[in-house]
Amino acid sequence: MEARVKDSGNPEVFGAIQQIVKAVHAGGVDPLVLELVHLRASQINGCSPCVHGGVQSAKRHGETDERLHNVVAWRETPFYTEPERAALALTEAATRIQDGEPGVTDAIWEAAAKHFDEKQLGAITLNIALTNFFNRINRTTRQQAGQTW
């Protein structure tokens, strides 16, 4: 499969995206939590460049192979903290809305709110949305793993 778009270099778009990324990282959330959120949403959406890039980025932040290999089955493993589990549940609920799932229920939001303050929840939510944004662009334009990061 070949990418449909070779160069989407619109500086205004990339500048706006960089501002969103800065806002996410200014939210006070552990970078590893943000990496797990990014990876899980990208797995759900089948975005190979984001999965590939997310794994590489998480490793640079000190994430282990054991945890990275198990994000897809996070509920069935002992490798994640309660805050990480809450963030992953929030990620799945916000990402799977196209599957006819109920979205982010009060229970899911309240579980996340036990571990994250409002600013952090805003950053996690924005990270989920940004990841879904990139996933959709990459899937639409057939970007390939390893070539866009």
Protein backbone atom coordinates (compact mmCIF):
# COMPACT_ATOMS: atom_id res chain seq x y z
CA MET A 1 0.00 0.00 0.00
CA GLU A 2 1.33 3.41 -0.96
CA ALA A 3 0.62 6.70 0.79
CA ARG A 4 -1.89 8.89 -1.03
CA VAL A 5 -0.30 12.14 0.15
CA LYS A 6 3.45 12.56 0.10
CA ASP A 7 3.71 16.08 1.51
CA SER A 8 0.96 17.75 3.48
CA GLY A 9 3.27 20.53 4.66
CA ASN A 10 0.87 23.34 5.44
CA PRO A 11 2.77 25.45 8.01
CA GLU A 12 -0.41 27.01 9.44
CA VAL A 13 -1.89 23.60 10.17
CA PHE A 14 1.30 22.30 11.74
CA GLY A 15 1.65 25.43 13.86
CA ALA A 16 -1.89 24.97 15.18
CA ILE A 17 -1.24 21.30 15.92
CA GLN A 18 1.96 22.19 17.77
CA GLN A 19 -0.05 24.53 20.00
CA ILE A 20 -2.48 21.71 20.81
CA VAL A 21 0.40 19.38 21.62
CA LYS A 22 1.88 22.02 23.94
CA ALA A 23 -1.49 22.38 25.69
CA VAL A 24 -1.70 18.61 26.21
CA HIS A 25 1.77 18.47 27.73
CA ALA A 26 1.12 21.51 29.91
CA GLY A 27 -1.79 19.70 31.56
CA GLY A 28 0.32 18.06 34.25
CA VAL A 29 -0.26 14.45 33.18
CA ASP A 30 2.55 11.93 33.45
CA PRO A 31 4.02 11.64 29.91
CA LEU A 32 3.81 7.85 30.12
CA VAL A 33 0.05 8.05 30.70
CA LEU A 34 -0.24 10.26 27.62
CA GLU A 35 1.81 7.74 25.64
CA LEU A 36 -0.42 4.85 26.75
CA VAL A 37 -3.52 6.84 25.82
CA HIS A 38 -2.07 7.63 22.38
CA LEU A 39 -1.07 4.02 21.78
CA ARG A 40 -4.41 2.55 22.83
CA ALA A 41 -6.50 4.90 20.67
CA SER A 42 -4.18 4.25 17.73
CA GLN A 43 -4.52 0.47 18.21
CA ILE A 44 -8.30 0.75 18.23
CA ASN A 45 -8.26 2.82 15.04
CA GLY A 46 -5.71 0.61 13.30
CA CYS A 47 -3.34 3.51 12.63
CA SER A 48 0.01 1.88 11.91
CA PRO A 49 2.09 5.09 11.85
CA CYS A 50 0.68 6.19 15.21
CA VAL A 51 1.13 2.75 16.77
CA HIS A 52 4.70 2.59 15.50
CA GLY A 53 5.50 6.16 16.50
CA GLY A 54 3.69 5.81 19.81
CA VAL A 55 5.76 2.78 20.78
CA GLN A 56 8.97 4.56 19.83
CA SER A 57 8.00 7.68 21.77
CA ALA A 58 6.93 5.68 24.83
CA LYS A 59 10.27 3.87 24.83
CA ARG A 60 12.08 7.23 24.76
CA HIS A 61 10.08 8.16 27.86
CA GLY A 62 11.25 4.95 29.59
CA GLU A 63 8.30 2.65 28.94
CA THR A 64 8.99 -1.09 29.04
CA ASP A 65 8.40 -3.59 26.25
CA GLU A 66 6.30 -5.71 28.61
CA ARG A 67 3.81 -2.90 29.20
CA LEU A 68 3.82 -1.76 25.58
CA HIS A 69 3.08 -5.27 24.32
CA ASN A 70 0.15 -5.56 26.69
CA VAL A 71 -1.65 -2.23 26.18
CA VAL A 72 -4.03 -3.99 23.81
CA ALA A 73 -5.05 -6.32 26.68
CA TRP A 74 -4.60 -3.91 29.59
CA ARG A 75 -7.66 -5.17 31.49
CA GLU A 76 -6.27 -8.72 31.66
CA THR A 77 -2.79 -7.83 32.89
CA PRO A 78 -1.32 -6.66 36.20
CA PHE A 79 1.07 -4.17 34.58
CA TYR A 80 -0.87 -0.89 34.89
CA THR A 81 -1.66 1.39 37.80
CA GLU A 82 -5.20 2.42 38.69
CA PRO A 83 -4.71 5.91 37.19
CA GLU A 84 -3.39 4.35 33.98
CA ARG A 85 -6.36 1.98 33.86
CA ALA A 86 -8.76 4.87 34.32
CA ALA A 87 -7.07 6.79 31.49
CA LEU A 88 -7.15 3.73 29.23
CA ALA A 89 -10.85 3.15 29.96
CA LEU A 90 -11.57 6.80 29.16
CA THR A 91 -9.56 6.47 25.94
CA GLU A 92 -11.47 3.41 24.80
CA ALA A 93 -14.86 4.93 25.61
CA ALA A 94 -14.08 8.18 23.79
CA THR A 95 -12.57 6.39 20.80
CA ARG A 96 -15.11 3.60 20.29
CA ILE A 97 -18.11 5.87 19.81
CA GLN A 98 -18.19 4.95 16.13
CA ASP A 99 -18.70 1.31 17.16
CA GLY A 100 -22.08 2.16 18.68
CA GLU A 101 -20.69 2.09 22.20
CA PRO A 102 -22.27 4.44 24.74
CA GLY A 103 -19.24 6.72 24.85
CA VAL A 104 -17.88 8.09 28.09
CA THR A 105 -20.36 7.12 30.77
CA ASP A 106 -20.58 8.86 34.13
CA ALA A 107 -18.91 5.84 35.74
CA ILE A 108 -15.93 6.00 33.38
CA TRP A 109 -15.56 9.76 33.86
CA GLU A 110 -15.86 9.48 37.65
CA ALA A 111 -13.24 6.73 37.74
CA ALA A 112 -10.84 8.98 35.84
CA ALA A 113 -11.73 11.97 38.03
CA LYS A 114 -10.61 10.00 41.09
CA HIS A 115 -7.06 10.07 39.74
CA PHE A 116 -6.84 13.25 37.67
CA ASP A 117 -7.83 16.85 38.37
CA GLU A 118 -9.82 18.95 35.88
CA LYS A 119 -6.74 20.31 34.12
CA GLN A 120 -5.33 16.80 33.73
CA LEU A 121 -8.67 15.42 32.53
CA GLY A 122 -8.76 18.20 29.96
CA ALA A 123 -5.26 17.29 28.78
CA ILE A 124 -6.10 13.58 28.56
CA THR A 125 -9.32 14.33 26.67
CA LEU A 126 -7.48 16.62 24.27
CA ASN A 127 -4.79 13.95 23.80
CA ILE A 128 -7.47 11.38 22.94
CA ALA A 129 -9.09 13.77 20.45
CA LEU A 130 -5.74 14.71 18.90
CA THR A 131 -4.77 11.06 18.53
CA ASN A 132 -8.10 10.26 16.88
CA PHE A 133 -7.53 13.26 14.57
CA PHE A 134 -4.11 11.98 13.51
CA ASN A 135 -5.40 8.41 13.19
CA ARG A 136 -8.10 9.50 10.79
CA ILE A 137 -5.76 11.62 8.68
CA ASN A 138 -3.20 8.83 8.51
CA ARG A 139 -5.80 6.20 7.61
CA THR A 140 -7.35 8.46 4.97
CA THR A 141 -4.03 9.28 3.33
CA ARG A 142 -2.59 5.76 3.85
CA GLN A 143 0.49 6.91 5.73
CA GLN A 144 2.89 4.07 6.44
CA ALA A 145 4.42 3.06 9.75
CA GLY A 146 7.93 4.38 10.25
CA GLN A 147 7.73 6.99 7.51
CA THR A 148 5.81 9.82 9.19
CA TRP A 149 7.59 9.98 12.54
